[in-house]
Amino acid sequence: MKYDYNIVNRLSKEDTLMKKIYLLFSIFLTAVLLLGACSSNKETTDKPEEPNNSDVAPSNTAAGKKLVMDNCASCHSGQFESFATKYNADELEDIIENGKGSMPKELLQGEDLKQAVEYIINLK
C-alpha cells in the first residue's frame, strides 16, 4: 500500500490558510466589539450629573413622562434631553402645537401639552 504524501501536504496548506483566516477574522471582530463598547454613551459619562431642583410635583412629572412616551417616543426615542437643552418651554409648546418639519401639529393640547413640556424641560 502506497501513501500519497501530496494529499497530506495539500490538506495541511489549506488547513493552515483557514486557521490564518479564522485568526484574522477573530482579531477584527474583537477590535470592532472593543471599539464599539468604548465609544458608546460618551455623552453620559462626560457630563456631570446636575441636581434637579424643579418645583414640579412628582405626579405631574409622571403624567408628563407618560404623555411623552405615549405620543412622542415612537419618533423621537431618547432625544428628549437634547430638546430640553436646545429649546425653552415656550418654543417646545409652539413646536408641539404647530408641528415642525414632518412632525404633525396638535399632538397634545391644553394641560397635557403643559405637562409634557414640563417633563421635557426638567430633563436638563
PDB file of N, CA and C in Angstrom:
ATOM      1  N   MET A   1       0.842  -1.169   0.000  1.00  0.00           N
ATOM      2  CA  MET A   1       0.000   0.000   0.000  1.00  0.00           C
ATOM      3  C   MET A   1       0.886   1.229   0.000  1.00  0.00           C
ATOM      4  N   LYS A   2       0.585   2.121  -0.942  1.00  0.00           N
ATOM      5  CA  LYS A   2       1.389   3.316  -1.096  1.00  0.00           C
ATOM      6  C   LYS A   2       0.629   4.507  -0.536  1.00  0.00           C
ATOM      7  N   TYR A   3       1.324   5.346   0.236  1.00  0.00           N
ATOM      8  CA  TYR A   3       0.716   6.509   0.867  1.00  0.00           C
ATOM      9  C   TYR A   3       0.992   7.732   0.009  1.00  0.00           C
ATOM     10  N   ASP A   4      -0.051   8.517  -0.312  1.00  0.00           N
ATOM     11  CA  ASP A   4       0.098   9.696  -1.171  1.00  0.00           C
ATOM     12  C   ASP A   4       0.385  10.921  -0.303  1.00  0.00           C
ATOM     13  N   TYR A   5       1.630  11.347  -0.280  1.00  0.00           N
ATOM     14  CA  TYR A   5       2.046  12.476   0.554  1.00  0.00           C
ATOM     15  C   TYR A   5       1.590  13.818  -0.002  1.00  0.00           C
ATOM     16  N   ASN A   6       1.316  13.917  -1.264  1.00  0.00           N
ATOM     17  CA  ASN A   6       0.849  15.174  -1.866  1.00  0.00           C
ATOM     18  C   ASN A   6      -0.499  15.603  -1.288  1.00  0.00           C
ATOM     19  N   ILE A   7      -1.367  14.661  -1.039  1.00  0.00           N
ATOM     20  CA  ILE A   7      -2.676  14.977  -0.458  1.00  0.00           C
ATOM     21  C   ILE A   7      -2.495  15.529   0.953  1.00  0.00           C
ATOM     22  N   VAL A   8      -1.623  14.949   1.717  1.00  0.00           N
ATOM     23  CA  VAL A   8      -1.374  15.408   3.078  1.00  0.00           C
ATOM     24  C   VAL A   8      -0.817  16.831   3.051  1.00  0.00           C
ATOM     25  N   ASN A   9       0.127  17.102   2.174  1.00  0.00           N
ATOM     26  CA  ASN A   9       0.690  18.451   2.059  1.00  0.00           C
ATOM     27  C   ASN A   9      -0.369  19.460   1.643  1.00  0.00           C
ATOM     28  N   ARG A  10      -1.177  19.069   0.660  1.00  0.00           N
ATOM     29  CA  ARG A  10      -2.224  19.964   0.189  1.00  0.00           C
ATOM     30  C   ARG A  10      -3.235  20.257   1.285  1.00  0.00           C
ATOM     31  N   LEU A  11      -3.638  19.245   2.044  1.00  0.00           N
ATOM     32  CA  LEU A  11      -4.591  19.443   3.133  1.00  0.00           C
ATOM     33  C   LEU A  11      -4.005  20.309   4.235  1.00  0.00           C
ATOM     34  N   SER A  12      -2.781  20.119   4.582  1.00  0.00           N
ATOM     35  CA  SER A  12      -2.193  20.910   5.660  1.00  0.00           C
ATOM     36  C   SER A  12      -2.042  22.370   5.242  1.00  0.00           C
ATOM     37  N   LYS A  13      -1.755  22.645   3.956  1.00  0.00           N
ATOM     38  CA  LYS A  13      -1.669  24.030   3.484  1.00  0.00           C
ATOM     39  C   LYS A  13      -3.038  24.707   3.529  1.00  0.00           C
ATOM     40  N   GLU A  14      -4.074  24.003   3.106  1.00  0.00           N
ATOM     41  CA  GLU A  14      -5.427  24.549   3.160  1.00  0.00           C
ATOM     42  C   GLU A  14      -5.858  24.760   4.604  1.00  0.00           C
ATOM     43  N   ASP A  15      -5.520  23.820   5.476  1.00  0.00           N
ATOM     44  CA  ASP A  15      -5.857  23.932   6.890  1.00  0.00           C
ATOM     45  C   ASP A  15      -5.155  25.133   7.524  1.00  0.00           C
ATOM     46  N   THR A  16      -3.897  25.352   7.191  1.00  0.00           N
ATOM     47  CA  THR A  16      -3.145  26.498   7.711  1.00  0.00           C
ATOM     48  C   THR A  16      -3.748  27.800   7.214  1.00  0.00           C
ATOM     49  N   LEU A  17      -4.143  27.850   5.963  1.00  0.00           N
ATOM     50  CA  LEU A  17      -4.762  29.057   5.415  1.00  0.00           C
ATOM     51  C   LEU A  17      -6.083  29.353   6.120  1.00  0.00           C
ATOM     52  N   MET A  18      -6.880  28.334   6.370  1.00  0.00           N
ATOM     53  CA  MET A  18      -8.149  28.534   7.067  1.00  0.00           C
ATOM     54  C   MET A  18      -7.913  29.014   8.501  1.00  0.00           C
ATOM     55  N   LYS A  19      -6.888  28.477   9.160  1.00  0.00           N
ATOM     56  CA  LYS A  19      -6.566  28.926  10.504  1.00  0.00           C
ATOM     57  C   LYS A  19      -6.158  30.402  10.511  1.00  0.00           C
ATOM     58  N   LYS A  20      -5.397  30.819   9.503  1.00  0.00           N
ATOM     59  CA  LYS A  20      -4.983  32.225   9.416  1.00  0.00           C
ATOM     60  C   LYS A  20      -6.186  33.129   9.169  1.00  0.00           C
ATOM     61  N   ILE A  21      -7.078  32.703   8.299  1.00  0.00           N
ATOM     62  CA  ILE A  21      -8.282  33.495   8.014  1.00  0.00           C
ATOM     63  C   ILE A  21      -9.150  33.585   9.264  1.00  0.00           C
ATOM     64  N   TYR A  22      -9.307  32.483   9.975  1.00  0.00           N
ATOM     65  CA  TYR A  22     -10.088  32.475  11.207  1.00  0.00           C
ATOM     66  C   TYR A  22      -9.462  33.379  12.260  1.00  0.00           C
ATOM     67  N   LEU A  23      -8.150  33.342  12.392  1.00  0.00           N
ATOM     68  CA  LEU A  23      -7.449  34.183  13.356  1.00  0.00           C
ATOM     69  C   LEU A  23      -7.618  35.664  13.016  1.00  0.00           C
ATOM     70  N   LEU A  24      -7.440  36.028  11.751  1.00  0.00           N
ATOM     71  CA  LEU A  24      -7.616  37.425  11.335  1.00  0.00           C
ATOM     72  C   LEU A  24      -9.050  37.895  11.558  1.00  0.00           C
ATOM     73  N   PHE A  25     -10.012  37.061  11.243  1.00  0.00           N
ATOM     74  CA  PHE A  25     -11.409  37.418  11.463  1.00  0.00           C
ATOM     75  C   PHE A  25     -11.690  37.604  12.951  1.00  0.00           C
ATOM     76  N   SER A  26     -11.139  36.733  13.781  1.00  0.00           N
ATOM     77  CA  SER A  26     -11.342  36.846  15.232  1.00  0.00           C
ATOM     78  C   SER A  26     -10.734  38.129  15.776  1.00  0.00           C
ATOM     79  N   ILE A  27      -9.552  38.482  15.314  1.00  0.00           N
ATOM     80  CA  ILE A  27      -8.912  39.728  15.754  1.00  0.00           C
ATOM     81  C   ILE A  27      -9.738  40.925  15.310  1.00  0.00           C
ATOM     82  N   PHE A  28     -10.211  40.928  14.084  1.00  0.00           N
ATOM     83  CA  PHE A  28     -11.023  42.027  13.569  1.00  0.00           C
ATOM     84  C   PHE A  28     -12.317  42.163  14.365  1.00  0.00           C
ATOM     85  N   LEU A  29     -12.994  41.061  14.613  1.00  0.00           N
ATOM     86  CA  LEU A  29     -14.255  41.088  15.349  1.00  0.00           C
ATOM     87  C   LEU A  29     -14.046  41.582  16.784  1.00  0.00           C
ATOM     88  N   THR A  30     -12.974  41.140  17.413  1.00  0.00           N
ATOM     89  CA  THR A  30     -12.662  41.594  18.768  1.00  0.00           C
ATOM     90  C   THR A  30     -12.399  43.098  18.787  1.00  0.00           C
ATOM     91  N   ALA A  31     -11.649  43.596  17.809  1.00  0.00           N
ATOM     92  CA  ALA A  31     -11.357  45.029  17.744  1.00  0.00           C
ATOM     93  C   ALA A  31     -12.630  45.843  17.539  1.00  0.00           C
ATOM     94  N   VAL A  32     -13.520  45.382  16.681  1.00  0.00           N
ATOM     95  CA  VAL A  32     -14.779  46.089  16.443  1.00  0.00           C
ATOM     96  C   VAL A  32     -15.624  46.121  17.705  1.00  0.00           C
ATOM     97  N   LEU A  33     -15.716  45.019  18.400  1.00  0.00           N
ATOM     98  CA  LEU A  33     -16.511  44.971  19.627  1.00  0.00           C
ATOM     99  C   LEU A  33     -15.918  45.862  20.717  1.00  0.00           C
ATOM    100  N   LEU A  34     -14.606  45.860  20.869  1.00  0.00           N
ATOM    101  CA  LEU A  34     -13.970  46.698  21.879  1.00  0.00           C
ATOM    102  C   LEU A  34     -14.130  48.178  21.570  1.00  0.00           C
ATOM    103  N   LEU A  35     -13.929  48.549  20.310  1.00  0.00           N
ATOM    104  CA  LEU A  35     -14.079  49.957  19.937  1.00  0.00           C
ATOM    105  C   LEU A  35     -15.525  50.408  20.068  1.00  0.00           C
ATOM    106  N   GLY A  36     -16.451  49.553  19.730  1.00  0.00           N
ATOM    107  CA  GLY A  36     -17.871  49.893  19.875  1.00  0.00           C
ATOM    108  C   GLY A  36     -18.265  50.069  21.324  1.00  0.00           C
ATOM    109  N   ALA A  37     -17.755  49.232  22.187  1.00  0.00           N
ATOM    110  CA  ALA A  37     -18.082  49.321  23.612  1.00  0.00           C
ATOM    111  C   ALA A  37     -17.458  50.558  24.246  1.00  0.00           C
ATOM    112  N   CYS A  38     -16.288  50.940  23.794  1.00  0.00           N
ATOM    113  CA  CYS A  38     -15.610  52.107  24.369  1.00  0.00           C
ATOM    114  C   CYS A  38     -16.241  53.418  23.926  1.00  0.00           C
ATOM    115  N   SER A  39     -16.823  53.432  22.743  1.00  0.00           N
ATOM    116  CA  SER A  39     -17.350  54.691  22.227  1.00  0.00           C
ATOM    117  C   SER A  39     -18.819  54.918  22.564  1.00  0.00           C
ATOM    118  N   SER A  40     -19.519  53.944  23.089  1.00  0.00           N
ATOM    119  CA  SER A  40     -20.943  54.128  23.360  1.00  0.00           C
ATOM    120  C   SER A  40     -21.153  54.927  24.637  1.00  0.00           C
ATOM    121  N   ASN A  41     -22.195  55.766  24.621  1.00  0.00           N
ATOM    122  CA  ASN A  41     -22.616  56.573  25.768  1.00  0.00           C
ATOM    123  C   ASN A  41     -21.518  57.480  26.307  1.00  0.00           C
ATOM    124  N   LYS A  42     -20.728  58.065  25.415  1.00  0.00           N
ATOM    125  CA  LYS A  42     -19.708  59.006  25.849  1.00  0.00           C
ATOM    126  C   LYS A  42     -20.327  60.224  26.493  1.00  0.00           C
ATOM    127  N   GLU A  43     -21.447  60.665  25.960  1.00  0.00           N
ATOM    128  CA  GLU A  43     -22.097  61.876  26.461  1.00  0.00           C
ATOM    129  C   GLU A  43     -22.509  61.720  27.918  1.00  0.00           C
ATOM    130  N   THR A  44     -22.998  60.558  28.275  1.00  0.00           N
ATOM    131  CA  THR A  44     -23.461  60.380  29.649  1.00  0.00           C
ATOM    132  C   THR A  44     -22.303  60.238  30.626  1.00  0.00           C
ATOM    133  N   THR A  45     -21.146  59.741  30.172  1.00  0.00           N
ATOM    134  CA  THR A  45     -20.028  59.602  31.093  1.00  0.00           C
ATOM    135  C   THR A  45     -19.262  60.903  31.258  1.00  0.00           C
ATOM    136  N   ASP A  46     -19.243  61.769  30.240  1.00  0.00           N
ATOM    137  CA  ASP A  46     -18.520  63.025  30.316  1.00  0.00           C
ATOM    138  C   ASP A  46     -19.314  64.115  31.020  1.00  0.00           C
ATOM    139  N   LYS A  47     -20.611  63.997  31.053  1.00  0.00           N
ATOM    140  CA  LYS A  47     -21.476  65.040  31.581  1.00  0.00           C
ATOM    141  C   LYS A  47     -21.689  64.843  33.080  1.00  0.00           C
ATOM    142  N   PRO A  48     -21.326  65.832  33.897  1.00  0.00           N
ATOM    143  CA  PRO A  48     -21.581  65.670  35.327  1.00  0.00           C
ATOM    144  C   PRO A  48     -23.074  65.727  35.608  1.00  0.00           C
ATOM    145  N   GLU A  49     -23.494  64.956  36.570  1.00  0.00           N
ATOM    146  CA  GLU A  49     -24.910  64.912  36.896  1.00  0.00           C
ATOM    147  C   GLU A  49     -25.304  66.159  37.660  1.00  0.00           C
ATOM    148  N   GLU A  50     -26.352  66.815  37.187  1.00  0.00           N
ATOM    149  CA  GLU A  50     -26.836  68.030  37.827  1.00  0.00           C
ATOM    150  C   GLU A  50     -28.063  67.702  38.661  1.00  0.00           C
ATOM    151  N   PRO A  51     -28.164  68.285  39.825  1.00  0.00           N
ATOM    152  CA  PRO A  51     -29.358  68.023  40.634  1.00  0.00           C
ATOM    153  C   PRO A  51     -30.579  68.661  39.989  1.00  0.00           C
ATOM    154  N   ASN A  52     -31.710  68.006  40.121  1.00  0.00           N
ATOM    155  CA  ASN A  52     -32.960  68.504  39.571  1.00  0.00           C
ATOM    156  C   ASN A  52     -33.681  69.269  40.681  1.00  0.00           C
ATOM    157  N   ASN A  53     -33.631  70.598  40.614  1.00  0.00           N
ATOM    158  CA  ASN A  53     -34.231  71.437  41.646  1.00  0.00           C
ATOM    159  C   ASN A  53     -35.561  72.015  41.187  1.00  0.00           C
ATOM    160  N   SER A  54     -36.346  71.214  40.499  1.00  0.00           N
ATOM    161  CA  SER A  54     -37.600  71.738  39.971  1.00  0.00           C
ATOM    162  C   SER A  54     -38.682  71.723  41.041  1.00  0.00           C
ATOM    163  N   ASP A  55     -39.663  72.590  40.860  1.00  0.00           N
ATOM    164  CA  ASP A  55     -40.792  72.663  41.771  1.00  0.00           C
ATOM    165  C   ASP A  55     -41.990  71.891  41.242  1.00  0.00           C
ATOM    166  N   VAL A  56     -41.752  71.022  40.262  1.00  0.00           N
ATOM    167  CA  VAL A  56     -42.831  70.274  39.637  1.00  0.00           C
ATOM    168  C   VAL A  56     -43.209  69.106  40.544  1.00  0.00           C
ATOM    169  N   ALA A  57     -44.465  68.936  40.750  1.00  0.00           N
ATOM    170  CA  ALA A  57     -44.958  67.838  41.580  1.00  0.00           C
ATOM    171  C   ALA A  57     -44.648  66.505  40.898  1.00  0.00           C
ATOM    172  N   PRO A  58     -44.271  65.484  41.659  1.00  0.00           N
ATOM    173  CA  PRO A  58     -43.938  64.187  41.063  1.00  0.00           C
ATOM    174  C   PRO A  58     -45.063  63.606  40.223  1.00  0.00           C
ATOM    175  N   SER A  59     -46.308  63.826  40.617  1.00  0.00           N
ATOM    176  CA  SER A  59     -47.416  63.271  39.836  1.00  0.00           C
ATOM    177  C   SER A  59     -47.501  63.939  38.465  1.00  0.00           C
ATOM    178  N   ASN A  60     -47.224  65.261  38.410  1.00  0.00           N
ATOM    179  CA  ASN A  60     -47.218  65.948  37.118  1.00  0.00           C
ATOM    180  C   ASN A  60     -46.076  65.447  36.249  1.00  0.00           C
ATOM    181  N   THR A  61     -44.912  65.198  36.871  1.00  0.00           N
ATOM    182  CA  THR A  61     -43.776  64.690  36.115  1.00  0.00           C
ATOM    183  C   THR A  61     -44.083  63.300  35.569  1.00  0.00           C
ATOM    184  N   ALA A  62     -44.679  62.456  36.371  1.00  0.00           N
ATOM    185  CA  ALA A  62     -45.034  61.104  35.920  1.00  0.00           C
ATOM    186  C   ALA A  62     -46.068  61.160  34.800  1.00  0.00           C
ATOM    187  N   ALA A  63     -47.046  62.058  34.946  1.00  0.00           N
ATOM    188  CA  ALA A  63     -48.064  62.200  33.892  1.00  0.00           C
ATOM    189  C   ALA A  63     -47.427  62.732  32.614  1.00  0.00           C
ATOM    190  N   GLY A  64     -46.507  63.699  32.760  1.00  0.00           N
ATOM    191  CA  GLY A  64     -45.811  64.245  31.592  1.00  0.00           C
ATOM    192  C   GLY A  64     -44.967  63.191  30.900  1.00  0.00           C
ATOM    193  N   LYS A  65     -44.287  62.364  31.691  1.00  0.00           N
ATOM    194  CA  LYS A  65     -43.472  61.299  31.109  1.00  0.00           C
ATOM    195  C   LYS A  65     -44.342  60.323  30.339  1.00  0.00           C
ATOM    196  N   LYS A  66     -45.482  59.943  30.908  1.00  0.00           N
ATOM    197  CA  LYS A  66     -46.384  59.018  30.222  1.00  0.00           C
ATOM    198  C   LYS A  66     -46.886  59.613  28.909  1.00  0.00           C
ATOM    199  N   LEU A  67     -47.242  60.901  28.938  1.00  0.00           N
ATOM    200  CA  LEU A  67     -47.711  61.562  27.716  1.00  0.00           C
ATOM    201  C   LEU A  67     -46.614  61.582  26.648  1.00  0.00           C
ATOM    202  N   VAL A  68     -45.403  61.911  27.065  1.00  0.00           N
ATOM    203  CA  VAL A  68     -44.288  61.965  26.115  1.00  0.00           C
ATOM    204  C   VAL A  68     -44.002  60.571  25.552  1.00  0.00           C
ATOM    205  N   MET A  69     -43.971  59.574  26.408  1.00  0.00           N
ATOM    206  CA  MET A  69     -43.688  58.213  25.950  1.00  0.00           C
ATOM    207  C   MET A  69     -44.785  57.682  25.031  1.00  0.00           C
ATOM    208  N   ASP A  70     -46.028  58.017  25.331  1.00  0.00           N
ATOM    209  CA  ASP A  70     -47.147  57.536  24.516  1.00  0.00           C
ATOM    210  C   ASP A  70     -47.263  58.259  23.180  1.00  0.00           C
ATOM    211  N   ASN A  71     -46.921  59.554  23.145  1.00  0.00           N
ATOM    212  CA  ASN A  71     -47.181  60.350  21.947  1.00  0.00           C
ATOM    213  C   ASN A  71     -45.941  60.748  21.163  1.00  0.00           C
ATOM    214  N   CYS A  72     -44.774  60.697  21.786  1.00  0.00           N
ATOM    215  CA  CYS A  72     -43.583  61.250  21.136  1.00  0.00           C
ATOM    216  C   CYS A  72     -42.465  60.230  20.927  1.00  0.00           C
ATOM    217  N   ALA A  73     -42.364  59.257  21.810  1.00  0.00           N
ATOM    218  CA  ALA A  73     -41.212  58.354  21.819  1.00  0.00           C
ATOM    219  C   ALA A  73     -41.113  57.492  20.558  1.00  0.00           C
ATOM    220  N   SER A  74     -42.217  57.230  19.895  1.00  0.00           N
ATOM    221  CA  SER A  74     -42.146  56.377  18.710  1.00  0.00           C
ATOM    222  C   SER A  74     -41.322  57.021  17.592  1.00  0.00           C
ATOM    223  N   CYS A  75     -41.282  58.348  17.542  1.00  0.00           N
ATOM    224  CA  CYS A  75     -40.467  59.040  16.532  1.00  0.00           C
ATOM    225  C   CYS A  75     -39.192  59.643  17.122  1.00  0.00           C
ATOM    226  N   HIS A  76     -39.240  60.067  18.374  1.00  0.00           N
ATOM    227  CA  HIS A  76     -38.117  60.785  18.990  1.00  0.00           C
ATOM    228  C   HIS A  76     -37.473  59.979  20.105  1.00  0.00           C
ATOM    229  N   SER A  77     -37.344  58.695  19.946  1.00  0.00           N
ATOM    230  CA  SER A  77     -36.843  57.854  21.039  1.00  0.00           C
ATOM    231  C   SER A  77     -35.501  58.338  21.565  1.00  0.00           C
ATOM    232  N   GLY A  78     -35.496  58.717  22.843  1.00  0.00           N
ATOM    233  CA  GLY A  78     -34.264  59.072  23.516  1.00  0.00           C
ATOM    234  C   GLY A  78     -33.680  60.439  23.227  1.00  0.00           C
ATOM    235  N   GLN A  79     -34.329  61.283  22.464  1.00  0.00           N
ATOM    236  CA  GLN A  79     -33.783  62.593  22.117  1.00  0.00           C
ATOM    237  C   GLN A  79     -34.331  63.710  22.994  1.00  0.00           C
ATOM    238  N   PHE A  80     -35.043  63.401  24.021  1.00  0.00           N
ATOM    239  CA  PHE A  80     -35.743  64.428  24.785  1.00  0.00           C
ATOM    240  C   PHE A  80     -34.798  65.343  25.552  1.00  0.00           C
ATOM    241  N   GLU A  81     -33.686  64.826  26.044  1.00  0.00           N
ATOM    242  CA  GLU A  81     -32.728  65.675  26.755  1.00  0.00           C
ATOM    243  C   GLU A  81     -32.143  66.728  25.821  1.00  0.00           C
ATOM    244  N   SER A  82     -31.899  66.351  24.573  1.00  0.00           N
ATOM    245  CA  SER A  82     -31.355  67.335  23.627  1.00  0.00           C
ATOM    246  C   SER A  82     -32.387  68.418  23.325  1.00  0.00           C
ATOM    247  N   PHE A  83     -33.664  68.067  23.329  1.00  0.00           N
ATOM    248  CA  PHE A  83     -34.701  69.085  23.130  1.00  0.00           C
ATOM    249  C   PHE A  83     -34.730  70.042  24.312  1.00  0.00           C
ATOM    250  N   ALA A  84     -34.512  69.520  25.512  1.00  0.00           N
ATOM    251  CA  ALA A  84     -34.539  70.346  26.715  1.00  0.00           C
ATOM    252  C   ALA A  84     -33.418  71.363  26.710  1.00  0.00           C
ATOM    253  N   THR A  85     -32.283  71.009  26.136  1.00  0.00           N
ATOM    254  CA  THR A  85     -31.168  71.965  26.088  1.00  0.00           C
ATOM    255  C   THR A  85     -31.255  72.890  24.878  1.00  0.00           C
ATOM    256  N   LYS A  86     -31.927  72.447  23.834  1.00  0.00           N
ATOM    257  CA  LYS A  86     -31.998  73.238  22.598  1.00  0.00           C
ATOM    258  C   LYS A  86     -33.131  74.263  22.610  1.00  0.00           C
ATOM    259  N   TYR A  87     -34.240  73.943  23.255  1.00  0.00           N
ATOM    260  CA  TYR A  87     -35.417  74.801  23.234  1.00  0.00           C
ATOM    261  C   TYR A  87     -35.838  75.185  24.649  1.00  0.00           C
ATOM    262  N   ASN A  88     -36.482  76.341  24.766  1.00  0.00           N
ATOM    263  CA  ASN A  88     -37.085  76.693  26.058  1.00  0.00           C
ATOM    264  C   ASN A  88     -38.534  76.198  26.062  1.00  0.00           C
ATOM    265  N   ALA A  89     -39.248  76.406  27.160  1.00  0.00           N
ATOM    266  CA  ALA A  89     -40.608  75.870  27.298  1.00  0.00           C
ATOM    267  C   ALA A  89     -41.559  76.444  26.254  1.00  0.00           C
ATOM    268  N   ASP A  90     -41.463  77.759  26.001  1.00  0.00           N
ATOM    269  CA  ASP A  90     -42.359  78.374  25.018  1.00  0.00           C
ATOM    270  C   ASP A  90     -42.118  77.824  23.618  1.00  0.00           C
ATOM    271  N   GLU A  91     -40.841  77.619  23.266  1.00  0.00           N
ATOM    272  CA  GLU A  91     -40.528  77.080  21.942  1.00  0.00           C
ATOM    273  C   GLU A  91     -41.032  75.643  21.799  1.00  0.00           C
ATOM    274  N   LEU A  92     -40.871  74.850  22.853  1.00  0.00           N
ATOM    275  CA  LEU A  92     -41.371  73.475  22.804  1.00  0.00           C
ATOM    276  C   LEU A  92     -42.891  73.432  22.661  1.00  0.00           C
ATOM    277  N   GLU A  93     -43.584  74.291  23.409  1.00  0.00           N
ATOM    278  CA  GLU A  93     -45.048  74.336  23.286  1.00  0.00           C
ATOM    279  C   GLU A  93     -45.446  74.705  21.866  1.00  0.00           C
ATOM    280  N   ASP A  94     -44.755  75.668  21.280  1.00  0.00           N
ATOM    281  CA  ASP A  94     -45.066  76.101  19.918  1.00  0.00           C
ATOM    282  C   ASP A  94     -44.831  74.960  18.917  1.00  0.00           C
ATOM    283  N   ILE A  95     -43.720  74.254  19.083  1.00  0.00           N
ATOM    284  CA  ILE A  95     -43.409  73.152  18.164  1.00  0.00           C
ATOM    285  C   ILE A  95     -44.455  72.045  18.283  1.00  0.00           C
ATOM    286  N   ILE A  96     -44.836  71.705  19.508  1.00  0.00           N
ATOM    287  CA  ILE A  96     -45.820  70.627  19.688  1.00  0.00           C
ATOM    288  C   ILE A  96     -47.195  71.057  19.188  1.00  0.00           C
ATOM    289  N   GLU A  97     -47.560  72.319  19.389  1.00  0.00           N
ATOM    290  CA  GLU A  97     -48.871  72.805  18.927  1.00  0.00           C
ATOM    291  C   GLU A  97     -48.928  72.934  17.413  1.00  0.00           C
ATOM    292  N   ASN A  98     -47.862  73.463  16.802  1.00  0.00           N
ATOM    293  CA  ASN A  98     -47.895  73.784  15.371  1.00  0.00           C
ATOM    294  C   ASN A  98     -47.120  72.819  14.488  1.00  0.00           C
ATOM    295  N   GLY A  99     -46.406  71.885  15.096  1.00  0.00           N
ATOM    296  CA  GLY A  99     -45.608  70.945  14.315  1.00  0.00           C
ATOM    297  C   GLY A  99     -44.339  71.598  13.795  1.00  0.00           C
ATOM    298  N   LYS A 100     -43.439  70.783  13.304  1.00  0.00           N
ATOM    299  CA  LYS A 100     -42.195  71.291  12.714  1.00  0.00           C
ATOM    300  C   LYS A 100     -41.671  70.221  11.773  1.00  0.00           C
ATOM    301  N   GLY A 101     -41.359  70.617  10.555  1.00  0.00           N
ATOM    302  CA  GLY A 101     -40.887  69.646   9.569  1.00  0.00           C
ATOM    303  C   GLY A 101     -41.960  68.614   9.287  1.00  0.00           C
ATOM    304  N   SER A 102     -41.631  67.354   9.454  1.00  0.00           N
ATOM    305  CA  SER A 102     -42.607  66.287   9.195  1.00  0.00           C
ATOM    306  C   SER A 102     -43.447  65.953  10.431  1.00  0.00           C
ATOM    307  N   MET A 103     -43.206  66.672  11.539  1.00  0.00           N
ATOM    308  CA  MET A 103     -43.978  66.423  12.757  1.00  0.00           C
ATOM    309  C   MET A 103     -45.378  67.023  12.619  1.00  0.00           C
ATOM    310  N   PRO A 104     -46.416  66.225  12.866  1.00  0.00           N
ATOM    311  CA  PRO A 104     -47.781  66.765  12.769  1.00  0.00           C
ATOM    312  C   PRO A 104     -48.079  67.730  13.911  1.00  0.00           C
ATOM    313  N   LYS A 105     -49.011  68.627  13.675  1.00  0.00           N
ATOM    314  CA  LYS A 105     -49.360  69.592  14.714  1.00  0.00           C
ATOM    315  C   LYS A 105     -50.452  69.041  15.624  1.00  0.00           C
ATOM    316  N   GLU A 106     -50.583  69.683  16.782  1.00  0.00           N
ATOM    317  CA  GLU A 106     -51.632  69.398  17.767  1.00  0.00           C
ATOM    318  C   GLU A 106     -51.645  67.948  18.253  1.00  0.00           C
ATOM    319  N   LEU A 107     -50.452  67.372  18.462  1.00  0.00           N
ATOM    320  CA  LEU A 107     -50.409  66.032  19.052  1.00  0.00           C
ATOM    321  C   LEU A 107     -50.892  66.066  20.493  1.00  0.00           C
ATOM    322  N   LEU A 108     -50.561  67.148  21.197  1.00  0.00           N
ATOM    323  CA  LEU A 108     -51.013  67.343  22.573  1.00  0.00           C
ATOM    324  C   LEU A 108     -51.572  68.751  22.686  1.00  0.00           C
ATOM    325  N   GLN A 109     -52.552  68.912  23.560  1.00  0.00           N
ATOM    326  CA  GLN A 109     -53.148  70.234  23.750  1.00  0.00           C
ATOM    327  C   GLN A 109     -53.451  70.450  25.228  1.00  0.00           C
ATOM    328  N   GLY A 110     -53.614  71.707  25.605  1.00  0.00           N
ATOM    329  CA  GLY A 110     -54.060  72.067  26.946  1.00  0.00           C
ATOM    330  C   GLY A 110     -53.121  71.613  28.039  1.00  0.00           C
ATOM    331  N   GLU A 111     -53.703  71.021  29.091  1.00  0.00           N
ATOM    332  CA  GLU A 111     -52.929  70.590  30.251  1.00  0.00           C
ATOM    333  C   GLU A 111     -51.949  69.471  29.889  1.00  0.00           C
ATOM    334  N   ASP A 112     -52.341  68.597  28.976  1.00  0.00           N
ATOM    335  CA  ASP A 112     -51.439  67.532  28.534  1.00  0.00           C
ATOM    336  C   ASP A 112     -50.176  68.126  27.910  1.00  0.00           C
ATOM    337  N   LEU A 113     -50.345  69.146  27.100  1.00  0.00           N
ATOM    338  CA  LEU A 113     -49.208  69.813  26.461  1.00  0.00           C
ATOM    339  C   LEU A 113     -48.273  70.399  27.519  1.00  0.00           C
ATOM    340  N   LYS A 114     -48.831  71.088  28.500  1.00  0.00           N
ATOM    341  CA  LYS A 114     -48.023  71.712  29.553  1.00  0.00           C
ATOM    342  C   LYS A 114     -47.271  70.665  30.376  1.00  0.00           C
ATOM    343  N   GLN A 115     -47.930  69.567  30.704  1.00  0.00           N
ATOM    344  CA  GLN A 115     -47.263  68.513  31.475  1.00  0.00           C
ATOM    345  C   GLN A 115     -46.122  67.876  30.687  1.00  0.00           C
ATOM    346  N   ALA A 116     -46.337  67.650  29.401  1.00  0.00           N
ATOM    347  CA  ALA A 116     -45.292  67.055  28.572  1.00  0.00           C
ATOM    348  C   ALA A 116     -44.097  68.001  28.453  1.00  0.00           C
ATOM    349  N   VAL A 117     -44.354  69.290  28.258  1.00  0.00           N
ATOM    350  CA  VAL A 117     -43.275  70.272  28.145  1.00  0.00           C
ATOM    351  C   VAL A 117     -42.516  70.364  29.472  1.00  0.00           C
ATOM    352  N   GLU A 118     -43.227  70.368  30.595  1.00  0.00           N
ATOM    353  CA  GLU A 118     -42.575  70.408  31.907  1.00  0.00           C
ATOM    354  C   GLU A 118     -41.647  69.209  32.089  1.00  0.00           C
ATOM    355  N   TYR A 119     -42.132  68.045  31.678  1.00  0.00           N
ATOM    356  CA  TYR A 119     -41.310  66.837  31.797  1.00  0.00           C
ATOM    357  C   TYR A 119     -40.035  66.975  30.956  1.00  0.00           C
ATOM    358  N   ILE A 120     -40.174  67.419  29.715  1.00  0.00           N
ATOM    359  CA  ILE A 120     -39.012  67.528  28.821  1.00  0.00           C
ATOM    360  C   ILE A 120     -38.032  68.567  29.348  1.00  0.00           C
ATOM    361  N   ILE A 121     -38.534  69.727  29.763  1.00  0.00           N
ATOM    362  CA  ILE A 121     -37.667  70.800  30.258  1.00  0.00           C
ATOM    363  C   ILE A 121     -36.904  70.345  31.509  1.00  0.00           C
ATOM    364  N   ASN A 122     -37.526  69.562  32.363  1.00  0.00           N
ATOM    365  CA  ASN A 122     -36.872  69.108  33.588  1.00  0.00           C
ATOM    366  C   ASN A 122     -35.855  68.001  33.362  1.00  0.00           C
ATOM    367  N   LEU A 123     -35.653  67.570  32.109  1.00  0.00           N
ATOM    368  CA  LEU A 123     -34.632  66.573  31.815  1.00  0.00           C
ATOM    369  C   LEU A 123     -33.236  67.173  31.737  1.00  0.00           C
ATOM    370  N   LYS A 124     -33.141  68.491  31.728  1.00  0.00           N
ATOM    371  CA  LYS A 124     -31.837  69.168  31.632  1.00  0.00           C
ATOM    372  C   LYS A 124     -30.898  68.702  32.704  1.00  0.00           C
TER     373      LYS A 124
END
